[in-house]
């Protein structure tokens, strides 16, 4: 299993314009400044572009934190 967290963290830093942002698997909209619904759309789009994957709406609704996102990305990237 690859470690996507550092790469995903860089995308978050760009989207949220927070160069010192540090993510953990437990990070979520509740504890990352400025992570609102509009930022979420921008973030998903940036991740899809960066990693050349696509998420279905139903998949995104089930995500609770960055760890869930990373797990879903692993599945997408391995198929």
N, C-alpha and C. Protein backbone atom coordinates (compact mmCIF):
# COMPACT_ATOMS: atom_id res chain seq x y z
N UNK A 1 0.84 -1.18 0.00
CA UNK A 1 0.00 0.00 0.00
C UNK A 1 0.89 1.25 0.00
N UNK A 2 0.68 2.12 -0.96
CA UNK A 2 1.52 3.31 -1.04
C UNK A 2 1.05 4.37 -0.03
N UNK A 3 1.94 5.28 0.27
CA UNK A 3 1.60 6.34 1.21
C UNK A 3 1.23 7.60 0.43
N UNK A 4 -0.07 7.81 0.25
CA UNK A 4 -0.56 8.94 -0.52
C UNK A 4 -0.65 10.22 0.30
N UNK A 5 -0.58 10.12 1.61
CA UNK A 5 -0.80 11.28 2.46
C UNK A 5 0.08 12.48 2.10
N UNK A 6 1.39 12.32 1.90
CA UNK A 6 2.21 13.50 1.56
C UNK A 6 1.76 14.18 0.26
N UNK A 7 1.41 13.40 -0.74
CA UNK A 7 0.97 13.98 -2.02
C UNK A 7 -0.38 14.66 -1.87
N UNK A 8 -1.29 14.04 -1.14
CA UNK A 8 -2.61 14.62 -0.92
C UNK A 8 -2.48 15.89 -0.07
N UNK A 9 -1.58 15.87 0.89
CA UNK A 9 -1.35 17.04 1.72
C UNK A 9 -0.94 18.24 0.88
N UNK A 10 -0.11 18.01 -0.13
CA UNK A 10 0.30 19.10 -1.02
C UNK A 10 -0.88 19.69 -1.77
N UNK A 11 -1.80 18.84 -2.21
CA UNK A 11 -3.01 19.32 -2.89
C UNK A 11 -3.84 20.16 -1.92
N UNK A 12 -4.02 19.68 -0.71
CA UNK A 12 -4.76 20.44 0.30
C UNK A 12 -4.10 21.80 0.53
N UNK A 13 -2.78 21.82 0.65
CA UNK A 13 -2.07 23.08 0.90
C UNK A 13 -2.32 24.09 -0.21
N UNK A 14 -2.33 23.62 -1.46
CA UNK A 14 -2.59 24.51 -2.59
C UNK A 14 -4.04 25.00 -2.59
N UNK A 15 -4.98 24.08 -2.43
CA UNK A 15 -6.40 24.44 -2.47
C UNK A 15 -6.77 25.40 -1.35
N UNK A 16 -6.27 25.14 -0.15
CA UNK A 16 -6.62 25.96 1.00
C UNK A 16 -5.65 27.13 1.21
N UNK A 17 -4.64 27.24 0.36
CA UNK A 17 -3.63 28.29 0.46
C UNK A 17 -3.05 28.34 1.87
N UNK A 18 -2.68 27.17 2.35
CA UNK A 18 -2.08 27.02 3.68
C UNK A 18 -0.80 26.19 3.55
N UNK A 19 0.32 26.83 3.24
CA UNK A 19 1.55 26.09 2.98
C UNK A 19 2.06 25.26 4.15
N UNK A 20 1.62 25.54 5.35
CA UNK A 20 2.09 24.80 6.52
C UNK A 20 1.06 23.80 7.04
N UNK A 21 -0.01 23.59 6.29
CA UNK A 21 -1.06 22.66 6.72
C UNK A 21 -0.49 21.25 6.87
N UNK A 22 -0.77 20.62 7.99
CA UNK A 22 -0.34 19.25 8.24
C UNK A 22 -1.59 18.40 8.42
N UNK A 23 -1.73 17.40 7.57
CA UNK A 23 -2.89 16.50 7.62
C UNK A 23 -2.54 15.20 8.34
N UNK A 24 -3.56 14.61 8.93
CA UNK A 24 -3.48 13.25 9.44
C UNK A 24 -4.66 12.49 8.86
N UNK A 25 -4.69 11.20 9.08
CA UNK A 25 -5.84 10.41 8.60
C UNK A 25 -7.14 10.88 9.28
N UNK A 26 -7.03 11.51 10.43
CA UNK A 26 -8.21 11.95 11.17
C UNK A 26 -8.66 13.36 10.79
N UNK A 27 -7.88 14.06 9.97
CA UNK A 27 -8.27 15.42 9.55
C UNK A 27 -9.60 15.38 8.82
N UNK A 28 -10.42 16.41 9.07
CA UNK A 28 -11.73 16.50 8.43
C UNK A 28 -12.14 17.96 8.30
N UNK A 29 -13.28 18.20 7.69
CA UNK A 29 -13.78 19.56 7.54
C UNK A 29 -13.97 20.23 8.90
N UNK A 30 -14.17 19.43 9.92
CA UNK A 30 -14.39 19.98 11.27
C UNK A 30 -13.12 20.57 11.87
N UNK A 31 -11.94 20.12 11.40
CA UNK A 31 -10.71 20.62 12.03
C UNK A 31 -9.68 21.18 11.04
N UNK A 32 -10.10 21.42 9.79
CA UNK A 32 -9.23 22.09 8.82
C UNK A 32 -9.89 23.42 8.47
N UNK A 33 -9.18 24.51 8.75
CA UNK A 33 -9.72 25.84 8.49
C UNK A 33 -10.12 26.01 7.02
N UNK A 34 -11.27 26.63 6.81
CA UNK A 34 -11.79 27.00 5.49
C UNK A 34 -12.26 25.81 4.64
N UNK A 35 -12.39 24.63 5.23
CA UNK A 35 -12.88 23.48 4.47
C UNK A 35 -14.41 23.50 4.51
N UNK A 36 -14.98 24.25 3.58
CA UNK A 36 -16.43 24.33 3.46
C UNK A 36 -16.86 23.62 2.19
N UNK A 37 -18.13 23.73 1.85
CA UNK A 37 -18.65 22.97 0.71
C UNK A 37 -18.01 23.40 -0.61
N UNK A 38 -17.77 24.68 -0.80
CA UNK A 38 -17.13 25.15 -2.03
C UNK A 38 -15.69 24.67 -2.11
N UNK A 39 -14.97 24.77 -1.01
CA UNK A 39 -13.59 24.29 -0.98
C UNK A 39 -13.55 22.78 -1.22
N UNK A 40 -14.55 22.07 -0.73
CA UNK A 40 -14.60 20.62 -0.91
C UNK A 40 -14.69 20.27 -2.40
N UNK A 41 -15.53 20.99 -3.13
CA UNK A 41 -15.67 20.75 -4.58
C UNK A 41 -14.34 21.02 -5.28
N UNK A 42 -13.69 22.12 -4.93
CA UNK A 42 -12.39 22.46 -5.52
C UNK A 42 -11.36 21.39 -5.19
N UNK A 43 -11.38 20.93 -3.94
CA UNK A 43 -10.44 19.91 -3.49
C UNK A 43 -10.63 18.60 -4.26
N UNK A 44 -11.86 18.15 -4.38
CA UNK A 44 -12.15 16.90 -5.10
C UNK A 44 -11.70 17.02 -6.55
N UNK A 45 -11.99 18.13 -7.17
CA UNK A 45 -11.58 18.35 -8.56
C UNK A 45 -10.06 18.32 -8.69
N UNK A 46 -9.37 18.97 -7.77
CA UNK A 46 -7.90 19.01 -7.81
C UNK A 46 -7.31 17.61 -7.61
N UNK A 47 -7.89 16.83 -6.71
CA UNK A 47 -7.40 15.47 -6.48
C UNK A 47 -7.66 14.61 -7.70
N UNK A 48 -8.85 14.73 -8.30
CA UNK A 48 -9.15 13.96 -9.50
C UNK A 48 -8.16 14.29 -10.62
N UNK A 49 -7.84 15.57 -10.78
CA UNK A 49 -6.89 15.98 -11.82
C UNK A 49 -5.49 15.48 -11.53
N UNK A 50 -5.04 15.68 -10.32
CA UNK A 50 -3.67 15.31 -9.92
C UNK A 50 -3.43 13.81 -10.05
N UNK A 51 -4.41 13.01 -9.63
CA UNK A 51 -4.22 11.56 -9.58
C UNK A 51 -4.90 10.83 -10.74
N UNK A 52 -5.55 11.59 -11.61
CA UNK A 52 -6.22 11.02 -12.80
C UNK A 52 -7.21 9.91 -12.41
N UNK A 53 -8.07 10.26 -11.44
CA UNK A 53 -9.13 9.35 -11.00
C UNK A 53 -10.44 10.12 -10.99
N UNK A 54 -11.55 9.40 -10.88
CA UNK A 54 -12.87 10.03 -10.79
C UNK A 54 -13.61 9.42 -9.61
N UNK A 55 -14.30 10.27 -8.87
CA UNK A 55 -15.13 9.82 -7.76
C UNK A 55 -16.59 9.92 -8.15
N UNK A 56 -17.38 8.95 -7.72
CA UNK A 56 -18.83 9.02 -7.86
C UNK A 56 -19.37 9.77 -6.65
N UNK A 57 -20.47 10.47 -6.83
CA UNK A 57 -21.06 11.27 -5.75
C UNK A 57 -21.33 10.42 -4.51
N UNK A 58 -21.86 9.23 -4.70
CA UNK A 58 -22.15 8.35 -3.57
C UNK A 58 -20.91 7.98 -2.77
N UNK A 59 -19.79 7.84 -3.46
CA UNK A 59 -18.54 7.52 -2.77
C UNK A 59 -18.12 8.67 -1.86
N UNK A 60 -18.27 9.88 -2.33
CA UNK A 60 -17.84 11.05 -1.57
C UNK A 60 -18.72 11.29 -0.35
N UNK A 61 -20.00 10.96 -0.47
CA UNK A 61 -20.93 11.18 0.65
C UNK A 61 -20.57 10.34 1.86
N UNK A 62 -19.91 9.22 1.64
CA UNK A 62 -19.58 8.30 2.74
C UNK A 62 -18.26 8.65 3.45
N UNK A 63 -17.50 9.59 2.90
CA UNK A 63 -16.20 9.92 3.48
C UNK A 63 -16.37 10.76 4.73
N UNK A 64 -15.68 10.38 5.80
CA UNK A 64 -15.76 11.10 7.07
C UNK A 64 -14.50 11.90 7.38
N UNK A 65 -13.36 11.49 6.78
CA UNK A 65 -12.09 12.16 7.08
C UNK A 65 -11.07 11.87 5.97
N UNK A 66 -9.90 12.40 6.13
CA UNK A 66 -8.84 12.22 5.13
C UNK A 66 -8.46 10.74 5.00
N UNK A 67 -8.48 10.00 6.09
CA UNK A 67 -8.18 8.57 6.03
C UNK A 67 -9.13 7.83 5.11
N UNK A 68 -10.42 8.13 5.20
CA UNK A 68 -11.41 7.51 4.30
C UNK A 68 -11.12 7.89 2.85
N UNK A 69 -10.74 9.14 2.62
CA UNK A 69 -10.39 9.60 1.27
C UNK A 69 -9.19 8.83 0.74
N UNK A 70 -8.17 8.69 1.57
CA UNK A 70 -6.97 7.96 1.14
C UNK A 70 -7.29 6.50 0.82
N UNK A 71 -8.12 5.88 1.64
CA UNK A 71 -8.51 4.48 1.39
C UNK A 71 -9.25 4.35 0.06
N UNK A 72 -10.15 5.28 -0.22
CA UNK A 72 -10.89 5.26 -1.48
C UNK A 72 -9.94 5.50 -2.65
N UNK A 73 -9.01 6.41 -2.48
CA UNK A 73 -8.04 6.67 -3.55
C UNK A 73 -7.21 5.43 -3.84
N UNK A 74 -6.80 4.71 -2.81
CA UNK A 74 -6.03 3.48 -2.99
C UNK A 74 -6.80 2.49 -3.87
N UNK A 75 -8.08 2.36 -3.60
CA UNK A 75 -8.93 1.45 -4.38
C UNK A 75 -8.98 1.92 -5.83
N UNK A 76 -9.20 3.21 -6.04
CA UNK A 76 -9.30 3.76 -7.39
C UNK A 76 -7.98 3.59 -8.15
N UNK A 77 -6.89 3.85 -7.49
CA UNK A 77 -5.58 3.79 -8.15
C UNK A 77 -5.12 2.37 -8.43
N UNK A 78 -5.63 1.41 -7.67
CA UNK A 78 -5.21 0.02 -7.88
C UNK A 78 -6.06 -0.70 -8.93
N UNK A 79 -7.15 -0.08 -9.35
CA UNK A 79 -8.02 -0.75 -10.35
C UNK A 79 -7.77 -0.24 -11.75
